[in-house]
Amino acid sequence: IVLMGESGSGKTTASLRIPAPWRSCCDDYTLVVRDAGGKYWAHPWPTWSRFFQAGPGGSWPVMSPVRLRAIFFLQPGEADGWANPVKRQPIVKIMESVEQATWSTTASLDKVRRRSVRLRRLGNAIDLARSVPAFQLHLSLTGKFWEAMENALAAKGASRIPDHALPRSDQ
C-alpha cells in the first residue's frame, strides 16, 4: 500500500501508528515500477534530506520491492474512513506527486525534451491509476485507520496481503 499526501496530511503519523502485521517500509519516497507482466511494485526509497546536514541517515531495502495493491490519498479528518476518489482524481494526484519528486531532473532540459518527458510521465500515471485501486483515506489522530484501509480493499475485492507493507510517499 502506498500512502500519498501533501506535507502535513498524516503520512508520518500513520507510519508510526500502524500496528502489526502492517509495517512501514520507507520514509517519504517510493519508487513504483511496472514489471513485464503489468504488475506494479513499490521500492522503498530514501529521503535524501536524511543524509544531509547531519540528518539521521537510515537504510531502506531498495532492492526488495513489495507488490503494489492500492494507493491511499490521505486527508486529515475527525474520523477514519475511506471513499472512492472522484473520476480522474487519482491521475491528477499521482501526476502532482511525480512532478514534485522529479522536477529537478527535467529543469535543465530544453522545452521540447521536457515536454516529452512530462508526457511520458503522464502516460505512466494514467496506466498506474487504471491498474491499481485508489482510495481517499480520511485519517484521524486516534482512530484505527488501517481498518478503513482493510474495508476499502475488501470492497474492491483485493485479497488481503499476508505481509502488509506500507511504503509512504510524498512523491
N, C-alpha and C. Protein backbone atom coordinates (compact mmCIF):
# COMPACT_ATOMS: atom_id res chain seq x y z
N ILE A 1 0.86 -1.17 0.00
CA ILE A 1 0.00 0.00 0.00
C ILE A 1 0.91 1.23 0.00
N VAL A 2 0.58 2.21 -0.80
CA VAL A 2 1.31 3.47 -0.78
C VAL A 2 0.37 4.54 -0.25
N LEU A 3 0.85 5.28 0.73
CA LEU A 3 0.11 6.43 1.24
C LEU A 3 0.68 7.67 0.57
N MET A 4 -0.19 8.44 -0.05
CA MET A 4 0.25 9.66 -0.72
C MET A 4 -0.48 10.84 -0.09
N GLY A 5 0.21 11.95 -0.01
CA GLY A 5 -0.43 13.14 0.51
C GLY A 5 0.55 14.28 0.61
N GLU A 6 -0.03 15.44 0.73
CA GLU A 6 0.78 16.64 0.88
C GLU A 6 1.45 16.63 2.24
N SER A 7 2.41 17.50 2.41
CA SER A 7 3.05 17.68 3.70
C SER A 7 1.98 18.01 4.73
N GLY A 8 2.02 17.33 5.86
CA GLY A 8 1.05 17.58 6.92
C GLY A 8 -0.22 16.76 6.82
N SER A 9 -0.30 15.88 5.83
CA SER A 9 -1.53 15.09 5.65
C SER A 9 -1.62 13.89 6.59
N GLY A 10 -0.51 13.51 7.23
CA GLY A 10 -0.55 12.41 8.19
C GLY A 10 0.27 11.19 7.83
N LYS A 11 1.12 11.28 6.82
CA LYS A 11 1.91 10.11 6.41
C LYS A 11 2.80 9.60 7.54
N THR A 12 3.54 10.50 8.16
CA THR A 12 4.44 10.10 9.24
C THR A 12 3.64 9.58 10.42
N THR A 13 2.57 10.26 10.77
CA THR A 13 1.72 9.82 11.88
C THR A 13 1.18 8.42 11.61
N ALA A 14 0.69 8.19 10.40
CA ALA A 14 0.16 6.87 10.04
C ALA A 14 1.26 5.82 10.13
N SER A 15 2.43 6.15 9.62
CA SER A 15 3.53 5.21 9.61
C SER A 15 3.94 4.82 11.03
N LEU A 16 3.90 5.77 11.93
CA LEU A 16 4.29 5.50 13.31
C LEU A 16 3.20 4.75 14.09
N ARG A 17 1.95 4.87 13.67
CA ARG A 17 0.84 4.27 14.40
C ARG A 17 0.40 2.91 13.87
N ILE A 18 0.84 2.54 12.68
CA ILE A 18 0.34 1.31 12.06
C ILE A 18 0.76 0.08 12.88
N PRO A 19 -0.19 -0.81 13.24
CA PRO A 19 0.17 -1.98 14.04
C PRO A 19 0.53 -3.19 13.17
N ALA A 20 1.17 -4.16 13.77
CA ALA A 20 1.43 -5.43 13.09
C ALA A 20 0.08 -6.07 12.77
N PRO A 21 -0.06 -6.76 11.67
CA PRO A 21 1.00 -7.24 10.78
C PRO A 21 1.42 -6.22 9.71
N TRP A 22 0.84 -5.02 9.72
CA TRP A 22 1.29 -3.99 8.79
C TRP A 22 2.69 -3.57 9.19
N ARG A 23 3.45 -3.02 8.24
CA ARG A 23 4.76 -2.46 8.56
C ARG A 23 5.09 -1.35 7.57
N SER A 24 5.82 -0.39 8.05
CA SER A 24 6.24 0.72 7.21
C SER A 24 7.60 0.36 6.61
N CYS A 25 7.72 0.49 5.29
CA CYS A 25 8.95 0.08 4.61
C CYS A 25 9.91 1.23 4.31
N CYS A 26 9.41 2.46 4.31
CA CYS A 26 10.32 3.54 3.95
C CYS A 26 9.85 4.86 4.52
N ASP A 27 10.61 5.86 4.22
CA ASP A 27 10.42 7.18 4.79
C ASP A 27 9.42 7.98 3.97
N ASP A 28 9.88 8.77 3.03
CA ASP A 28 8.98 9.64 2.27
C ASP A 28 8.81 9.27 0.80
N TYR A 29 9.78 8.64 0.22
CA TYR A 29 9.72 8.37 -1.21
C TYR A 29 9.51 6.89 -1.48
N THR A 30 8.78 6.62 -2.56
CA THR A 30 8.59 5.25 -3.02
C THR A 30 8.73 5.25 -4.53
N LEU A 31 9.60 4.40 -5.03
CA LEU A 31 9.75 4.24 -6.47
C LEU A 31 8.80 3.13 -6.91
N VAL A 32 7.87 3.45 -7.81
CA VAL A 32 6.91 2.47 -8.29
C VAL A 32 7.30 2.07 -9.70
N VAL A 33 7.43 0.76 -9.92
CA VAL A 33 7.91 0.23 -11.19
C VAL A 33 6.93 -0.84 -11.68
N ARG A 34 6.65 -0.83 -12.98
CA ARG A 34 5.78 -1.86 -13.58
C ARG A 34 6.68 -2.93 -14.18
N ASP A 35 6.33 -4.20 -13.91
CA ASP A 35 7.13 -5.29 -14.48
C ASP A 35 6.58 -5.65 -15.86
N ALA A 36 7.24 -6.61 -16.50
CA ALA A 36 6.86 -7.00 -17.86
C ALA A 36 5.44 -7.57 -17.92
N GLY A 37 4.94 -8.10 -16.80
CA GLY A 37 3.60 -8.65 -16.75
C GLY A 37 2.52 -7.62 -16.43
N GLY A 38 2.93 -6.36 -16.27
CA GLY A 38 1.97 -5.30 -15.98
C GLY A 38 1.66 -5.09 -14.51
N LYS A 39 2.34 -5.81 -13.63
CA LYS A 39 2.13 -5.63 -12.20
C LYS A 39 3.04 -4.51 -11.69
N TYR A 40 2.55 -3.80 -10.69
CA TYR A 40 3.32 -2.68 -10.13
C TYR A 40 3.96 -3.09 -8.82
N TRP A 41 5.19 -2.63 -8.63
CA TRP A 41 5.98 -2.94 -7.45
C TRP A 41 6.46 -1.64 -6.82
N ALA A 42 6.41 -1.58 -5.49
CA ALA A 42 6.85 -0.41 -4.74
C ALA A 42 8.21 -0.70 -4.12
N HIS A 43 9.18 0.13 -4.46
CA HIS A 43 10.52 0.04 -3.90
C HIS A 43 10.68 1.14 -2.86
N PRO A 44 10.99 0.79 -1.61
CA PRO A 44 11.25 1.83 -0.62
C PRO A 44 12.43 2.68 -1.08
N TRP A 45 12.34 3.96 -0.88
CA TRP A 45 13.38 4.87 -1.37
C TRP A 45 13.74 5.85 -0.27
N PRO A 46 15.02 6.12 -0.07
CA PRO A 46 15.42 7.05 1.00
C PRO A 46 15.06 8.50 0.67
N THR A 47 14.85 9.26 1.72
CA THR A 47 14.68 10.70 1.59
C THR A 47 16.06 11.30 1.75
N TRP A 48 16.55 11.94 0.71
CA TRP A 48 17.93 12.43 0.72
C TRP A 48 18.20 13.40 1.83
N SER A 49 17.21 14.14 2.27
CA SER A 49 17.43 15.12 3.34
C SER A 49 17.90 14.44 4.63
N ARG A 50 17.62 13.14 4.77
CA ARG A 50 18.07 12.43 5.97
C ARG A 50 19.58 12.22 5.97
N PHE A 51 20.23 12.46 4.84
CA PHE A 51 21.67 12.25 4.75
C PHE A 51 22.46 13.55 4.73
N PHE A 52 21.77 14.66 4.58
CA PHE A 52 22.44 15.95 4.54
C PHE A 52 22.28 16.66 5.87
N GLN A 53 23.16 17.60 6.14
CA GLN A 53 23.11 18.44 7.34
C GLN A 53 22.99 17.60 8.61
N ALA A 54 23.81 16.57 8.69
CA ALA A 54 23.87 15.69 9.86
C ALA A 54 22.53 15.05 10.18
N GLY A 55 21.78 14.69 9.14
CA GLY A 55 20.49 14.02 9.33
C GLY A 55 20.68 12.64 9.94
N PRO A 56 19.59 11.97 10.30
CA PRO A 56 19.67 10.69 10.99
C PRO A 56 20.10 9.51 10.11
N GLY A 57 20.23 9.72 8.79
CA GLY A 57 20.62 8.62 7.91
C GLY A 57 19.54 7.57 7.85
N GLY A 58 19.94 6.31 7.85
CA GLY A 58 18.97 5.22 7.79
C GLY A 58 19.26 4.29 6.63
N SER A 59 18.47 3.25 6.51
CA SER A 59 18.62 2.33 5.39
C SER A 59 17.25 1.85 4.96
N TRP A 60 17.13 1.54 3.69
CA TRP A 60 15.87 1.09 3.12
C TRP A 60 16.16 -0.09 2.19
N PRO A 61 15.31 -1.10 2.20
CA PRO A 61 15.53 -2.26 1.34
C PRO A 61 15.10 -1.96 -0.11
N VAL A 62 15.85 -1.11 -0.78
CA VAL A 62 15.50 -0.65 -2.13
C VAL A 62 15.37 -1.80 -3.11
N MET A 63 16.16 -2.84 -2.94
CA MET A 63 16.13 -3.97 -3.86
C MET A 63 15.12 -5.04 -3.44
N SER A 64 14.27 -4.71 -2.49
CA SER A 64 13.24 -5.65 -2.03
C SER A 64 11.86 -5.03 -2.24
N PRO A 65 11.39 -5.02 -3.48
CA PRO A 65 10.09 -4.39 -3.74
C PRO A 65 8.94 -5.17 -3.15
N VAL A 66 7.83 -4.46 -2.97
CA VAL A 66 6.60 -5.03 -2.46
C VAL A 66 5.54 -4.83 -3.53
N ARG A 67 4.74 -5.84 -3.79
CA ARG A 67 3.67 -5.73 -4.80
C ARG A 67 2.72 -4.61 -4.40
N LEU A 68 2.46 -3.69 -5.29
CA LEU A 68 1.58 -2.55 -5.02
C LEU A 68 0.14 -2.98 -5.23
N ARG A 69 -0.65 -2.98 -4.17
CA ARG A 69 -2.04 -3.42 -4.22
C ARG A 69 -3.02 -2.26 -4.26
N ALA A 70 -2.62 -1.10 -3.69
CA ALA A 70 -3.54 0.04 -3.64
C ALA A 70 -2.78 1.30 -3.29
N ILE A 71 -3.40 2.42 -3.62
CA ILE A 71 -2.89 3.74 -3.26
C ILE A 71 -3.96 4.41 -2.42
N PHE A 72 -3.56 4.99 -1.32
CA PHE A 72 -4.48 5.76 -0.48
C PHE A 72 -4.00 7.20 -0.44
N PHE A 73 -4.88 8.11 -0.82
CA PHE A 73 -4.59 9.54 -0.76
C PHE A 73 -5.09 10.04 0.59
N LEU A 74 -4.17 10.51 1.41
CA LEU A 74 -4.51 10.89 2.77
C LEU A 74 -5.16 12.26 2.86
N GLN A 75 -6.10 12.32 3.77
CA GLN A 75 -6.80 13.55 4.06
C GLN A 75 -7.09 13.55 5.56
N PRO A 76 -6.52 14.51 6.32
CA PRO A 76 -6.82 14.56 7.75
C PRO A 76 -8.33 14.69 7.97
N GLY A 77 -8.82 14.04 9.02
CA GLY A 77 -10.25 14.09 9.31
C GLY A 77 -10.53 13.86 10.77
N GLU A 78 -11.77 14.06 11.15
CA GLU A 78 -12.20 13.83 12.53
C GLU A 78 -12.39 12.34 12.81
N ALA A 79 -12.76 11.59 11.78
CA ALA A 79 -12.99 10.16 11.93
C ALA A 79 -12.34 9.43 10.76
N ASP A 80 -11.93 8.20 11.01
CA ASP A 80 -11.32 7.40 9.96
C ASP A 80 -12.39 6.89 9.01
N GLY A 81 -12.05 6.84 7.74
CA GLY A 81 -12.97 6.31 6.75
C GLY A 81 -12.33 6.38 5.38
N TRP A 82 -13.01 5.81 4.42
CA TRP A 82 -12.48 5.80 3.07
C TRP A 82 -13.59 6.13 2.08
N ALA A 83 -13.17 6.55 0.91
CA ALA A 83 -14.10 6.84 -0.17
C ALA A 83 -13.39 6.58 -1.49
N ASN A 84 -14.18 6.28 -2.51
CA ASN A 84 -13.60 6.20 -3.84
C ASN A 84 -13.31 7.63 -4.30
N PRO A 85 -12.16 7.87 -4.90
CA PRO A 85 -11.89 9.21 -5.39
C PRO A 85 -12.78 9.56 -6.58
N VAL A 86 -12.95 10.84 -6.81
CA VAL A 86 -13.75 11.25 -7.96
C VAL A 86 -13.00 10.90 -9.24
N LYS A 87 -13.73 10.80 -10.32
CA LYS A 87 -13.17 10.40 -11.61
C LYS A 87 -11.93 11.23 -11.96
N ARG A 88 -10.92 10.58 -12.40
CA ARG A 88 -9.65 11.16 -12.84
C ARG A 88 -8.81 11.77 -11.72
N GLN A 89 -9.33 11.85 -10.51
CA GLN A 89 -8.56 12.41 -9.41
C GLN A 89 -7.27 11.63 -9.15
N PRO A 90 -7.30 10.27 -9.20
CA PRO A 90 -6.03 9.55 -8.98
C PRO A 90 -4.95 9.95 -9.98
N ILE A 91 -5.30 10.14 -11.23
CA ILE A 91 -4.30 10.53 -12.23
C ILE A 91 -3.69 11.87 -11.87
N VAL A 92 -4.53 12.82 -11.50
CA VAL A 92 -4.05 14.16 -11.15
C VAL A 92 -3.16 14.10 -9.92
N LYS A 93 -3.57 13.37 -8.90
CA LYS A 93 -2.79 13.29 -7.66
C LYS A 93 -1.47 12.55 -7.88
N ILE A 94 -1.50 11.49 -8.65
CA ILE A 94 -0.26 10.77 -8.95
C ILE A 94 0.68 11.69 -9.73
N MET A 95 0.15 12.37 -10.72
CA MET A 95 0.99 13.25 -11.53
C MET A 95 1.57 14.39 -10.70
N GLU A 96 0.78 14.97 -9.80
CA GLU A 96 1.30 16.02 -8.92
C GLU A 96 2.47 15.50 -8.10
N SER A 97 2.34 14.30 -7.57
CA SER A 97 3.41 13.72 -6.76
C SER A 97 4.65 13.46 -7.59
N VAL A 98 4.46 12.94 -8.78
CA VAL A 98 5.60 12.68 -9.66
C VAL A 98 6.32 13.98 -9.99
N GLU A 99 5.58 15.01 -10.32
CA GLU A 99 6.19 16.31 -10.65
C GLU A 99 6.95 16.88 -9.46
N GLN A 100 6.39 16.77 -8.26
CA GLN A 100 7.07 17.27 -7.07
C GLN A 100 8.38 16.52 -6.82
N ALA A 101 8.35 15.22 -7.05
CA ALA A 101 9.52 14.40 -6.76
C ALA A 101 10.61 14.52 -7.81
N THR A 102 10.23 14.87 -9.03
CA THR A 102 11.21 14.79 -10.12
C THR A 102 11.45 16.09 -10.87
N TRP A 103 10.94 17.21 -10.37
CA TRP A 103 11.09 18.47 -11.11
C TRP A 103 12.54 18.79 -11.41
N SER A 104 13.43 18.46 -10.49
CA SER A 104 14.84 18.81 -10.70
C SER A 104 15.48 18.00 -11.82
N THR A 105 14.91 16.84 -12.15
CA THR A 105 15.50 16.00 -13.19
C THR A 105 15.23 16.54 -14.59
N THR A 106 14.26 17.43 -14.71
CA THR A 106 13.95 17.98 -16.03
C THR A 106 14.26 19.47 -16.14
N ALA A 107 14.69 20.07 -15.04
CA ALA A 107 14.92 21.52 -15.03
C ALA A 107 15.93 21.97 -16.07
N SER A 108 16.92 21.17 -16.36
CA SER A 108 17.96 21.57 -17.29
C SER A 108 17.68 21.17 -18.75
N LEU A 109 16.56 20.47 -18.96
CA LEU A 109 16.23 20.04 -20.32
C LEU A 109 15.64 21.19 -21.13
N ASP A 110 15.82 21.11 -22.44
CA ASP A 110 15.17 22.10 -23.30
C ASP A 110 13.67 21.84 -23.29
N LYS A 111 12.91 22.81 -23.76
CA LYS A 111 11.45 22.78 -23.69
C LYS A 111 10.86 21.54 -24.37
N VAL A 112 11.37 21.17 -25.52
CA VAL A 112 10.84 20.03 -26.28
C VAL A 112 11.09 18.73 -25.52
N ARG A 113 12.30 18.55 -25.02
CA ARG A 113 12.63 17.32 -24.29
C ARG A 113 11.86 17.25 -22.97
N ARG A 114 11.74 18.38 -22.27
CA ARG A 114 10.99 18.43 -21.02
C ARG A 114 9.53 18.02 -21.25
N ARG A 115 8.96 18.52 -22.33
CA ARG A 115 7.56 18.18 -22.66
C ARG A 115 7.43 16.68 -22.95
N SER A 116 8.39 16.13 -23.66
CA SER A 116 8.38 14.71 -23.98
C SER A 116 8.44 13.86 -22.70
N VAL A 117 9.31 14.24 -21.79
CA VAL A 117 9.44 13.51 -20.53
C VAL A 117 8.15 13.62 -19.72
N ARG A 118 7.58 14.80 -19.66
CA ARG A 118 6.35 15.00 -18.89
C ARG A 118 5.18 14.22 -19.50
N LEU A 119 5.10 14.15 -20.81
CA LEU A 119 4.05 13.36 -21.45
C LEU A 119 4.21 11.87 -21.14
N ARG A 120 5.44 11.42 -21.11
CA ARG A 120 5.69 10.02 -20.77
C ARG A 120 5.29 9.74 -19.32
N ARG A 121 5.62 10.67 -18.43
CA ARG A 121 5.21 10.53 -17.03
C ARG A 121 3.69 10.51 -16.91
N LEU A 122 3.02 11.37 -17.66
CA LEU A 122 1.56 11.41 -17.64
C LEU A 122 0.99 10.06 -18.09
N GLY A 123 1.55 9.51 -19.15
CA GLY A 123 1.11 8.19 -19.62
C GLY A 123 1.29 7.14 -18.55
N ASN A 124 2.42 7.19 -17.84
CA ASN A 124 2.66 6.24 -16.75
C ASN A 124 1.67 6.43 -15.61
N ALA A 125 1.36 7.70 -15.29
CA ALA A 125 0.39 7.98 -14.23
C ALA A 125 -1.00 7.45 -14.60
N ILE A 126 -1.37 7.62 -15.85
CA ILE A 126 -2.66 7.11 -16.32
C ILE A 126 -2.70 5.59 -16.22
N ASP A 127 -1.65 4.92 -16.68
CA ASP A 127 -1.59 3.46 -16.59
C ASP A 127 -1.66 2.98 -15.14
N LEU A 128 -0.92 3.63 -14.26
CA LEU A 128 -0.93 3.26 -12.85
C LEU A 128 -2.33 3.43 -12.25
N ALA A 129 -2.96 4.56 -12.52
CA ALA A 129 -4.30 4.83 -11.98
C ALA A 129 -5.33 3.83 -12.51
N ARG A 130 -5.15 3.36 -13.72
CA ARG A 130 -6.08 2.37 -14.29
C ARG A 130 -5.83 0.96 -13.75
N SER A 131 -4.63 0.70 -13.28
CA SER A 131 -4.24 -0.66 -12.88
C SER A 131 -4.31 -0.94 -11.39
N VAL A 132 -4.16 0.09 -10.58
CA VAL A 132 -4.08 -0.09 -9.13
C VAL A 132 -5.23 0.67 -8.48
N PRO A 133 -6.02 0.01 -7.63
CA PRO A 133 -7.12 0.71 -6.97
C PRO A 133 -6.62 1.88 -6.13
N ALA A 134 -7.37 2.96 -6.15
CA ALA A 134 -7.02 4.15 -5.38
C ALA A 134 -8.21 4.56 -4.53
N PHE A 135 -7.90 5.11 -3.36
CA PHE A 135 -8.93 5.50 -2.41
C PHE A 135 -8.53 6.80 -1.73
N GLN A 136 -9.52 7.52 -1.25
CA GLN A 136 -9.27 8.62 -0.33
C GLN A 136 -9.36 8.03 1.06
N LEU A 137 -8.41 8.34 1.90
CA LEU A 137 -8.41 7.84 3.27
C LEU A 137 -8.49 9.02 4.22
N HIS A 138 -9.58 9.08 4.95
CA HIS A 138 -9.73 10.10 5.99
C HIS A 138 -9.05 9.54 7.23
N LEU A 139 -8.13 10.32 7.76
CA LEU A 139 -7.25 9.84 8.82
C LEU A 139 -7.39 10.72 10.05
N SER A 140 -7.83 10.12 11.17
CA SER A 140 -7.90 10.84 12.44
C SER A 140 -6.61 10.60 13.21
N LEU A 141 -6.43 11.34 14.26
CA LEU A 141 -5.22 11.18 15.07
C LEU A 141 -5.30 10.02 16.05
N THR A 142 -6.50 9.50 16.30
CA THR A 142 -6.63 8.48 17.33
C THR A 142 -7.32 7.20 16.88
N GLY A 143 -7.93 7.20 15.70
CA GLY A 143 -8.70 6.04 15.25
C GLY A 143 -7.83 4.92 14.69
N LYS A 144 -8.51 3.89 14.22
CA LYS A 144 -7.85 2.73 13.63
C LYS A 144 -7.99 2.81 12.11
N PHE A 145 -7.25 3.72 11.50
CA PHE A 145 -7.36 3.99 10.07
C PHE A 145 -7.06 2.75 9.23
N TRP A 146 -6.23 1.85 9.74
CA TRP A 146 -5.89 0.63 9.00
C TRP A 146 -7.14 -0.23 8.78
N GLU A 147 -8.12 -0.15 9.68
CA GLU A 147 -9.37 -0.87 9.47
C GLU A 147 -10.14 -0.28 8.29
N ALA A 148 -10.09 1.04 8.14
CA ALA A 148 -10.72 1.68 6.98
C ALA A 148 -10.02 1.23 5.70
N MET A 149 -8.69 1.09 5.75
CA MET A 149 -7.95 0.62 4.57
C MET A 149 -8.35 -0.82 4.24
N GLU A 150 -8.44 -1.66 5.24
CA GLU A 150 -8.84 -3.05 5.01
C GLU A 150 -10.25 -3.13 4.43
N ASN A 151 -11.16 -2.29 4.93
CA ASN A 151 -12.52 -2.26 4.40
C ASN A 151 -12.54 -1.81 2.94
N ALA A 152 -11.74 -0.82 2.61
CA ALA A 152 -11.66 -0.35 1.22
C ALA A 152 -11.15 -1.46 0.31
N LEU A 153 -10.10 -2.15 0.74
CA LEU A 153 -9.54 -3.25 -0.06
C LEU A 153 -10.57 -4.37 -0.23
N ALA A 154 -11.28 -4.69 0.83
CA ALA A 154 -12.29 -5.74 0.75
C ALA A 154 -13.42 -5.34 -0.21
N ALA A 155 -13.79 -4.07 -0.19
CA ALA A 155 -14.87 -3.60 -1.07
C ALA A 155 -14.47 -3.68 -2.54
N LYS A 156 -13.19 -3.56 -2.83
CA LYS A 156 -12.69 -3.66 -4.20
C LYS A 156 -12.34 -5.09 -4.57
N GLY A 157 -12.50 -6.01 -3.62
CA GLY A 157 -12.18 -7.41 -3.90
C GLY A 157 -10.70 -7.69 -3.90
N ALA A 158 -9.92 -6.78 -3.34
CA ALA A 158 -8.47 -7.00 -3.27
C ALA A 158 -8.20 -8.03 -2.18
N SER A 159 -7.35 -8.97 -2.47
CA SER A 159 -7.06 -10.00 -1.48
C SER A 159 -6.22 -9.41 -0.36
N ARG A 160 -6.44 -9.94 0.82
CA ARG A 160 -5.65 -9.49 1.96
C ARG A 160 -4.21 -9.96 1.75
N ILE A 161 -3.29 -9.11 2.05
CA ILE A 161 -1.89 -9.38 1.82
C ILE A 161 -1.28 -9.87 3.14
N PRO A 162 -0.74 -11.09 3.20
CA PRO A 162 -0.21 -11.58 4.46
C PRO A 162 0.93 -10.72 4.99
N ASP A 163 1.79 -10.26 4.11
CA ASP A 163 2.91 -9.44 4.53
C ASP A 163 2.58 -8.00 4.16
N HIS A 164 1.78 -7.34 4.97
CA HIS A 164 1.37 -5.97 4.67
C HIS A 164 2.61 -5.08 4.60
N ALA A 165 2.62 -4.20 3.63
CA ALA A 165 3.71 -3.25 3.52
C ALA A 165 3.11 -1.90 3.29
N LEU A 166 3.72 -0.91 3.85
CA LEU A 166 3.17 0.43 3.77
C LEU A 166 4.24 1.43 3.40
N PRO A 167 4.74 1.39 2.16
CA PRO A 167 5.63 2.47 1.76
C PRO A 167 4.83 3.77 1.69
N ARG A 168 5.36 4.84 2.26
CA ARG A 168 4.69 6.14 2.21
C ARG A 168 5.35 6.95 1.13
N SER A 169 4.61 7.90 0.62
CA SER A 169 5.20 8.70 -0.42
C SER A 169 4.61 10.09 -0.48
N ASP A 170 5.48 11.08 -0.36
CA ASP A 170 5.09 12.45 -0.68
C ASP A 170 5.02 12.53 -2.19
N GLN A 171 5.88 11.76 -2.83
CA GLN A 171 6.03 11.85 -4.28
C GLN A 171 5.73 10.53 -4.93
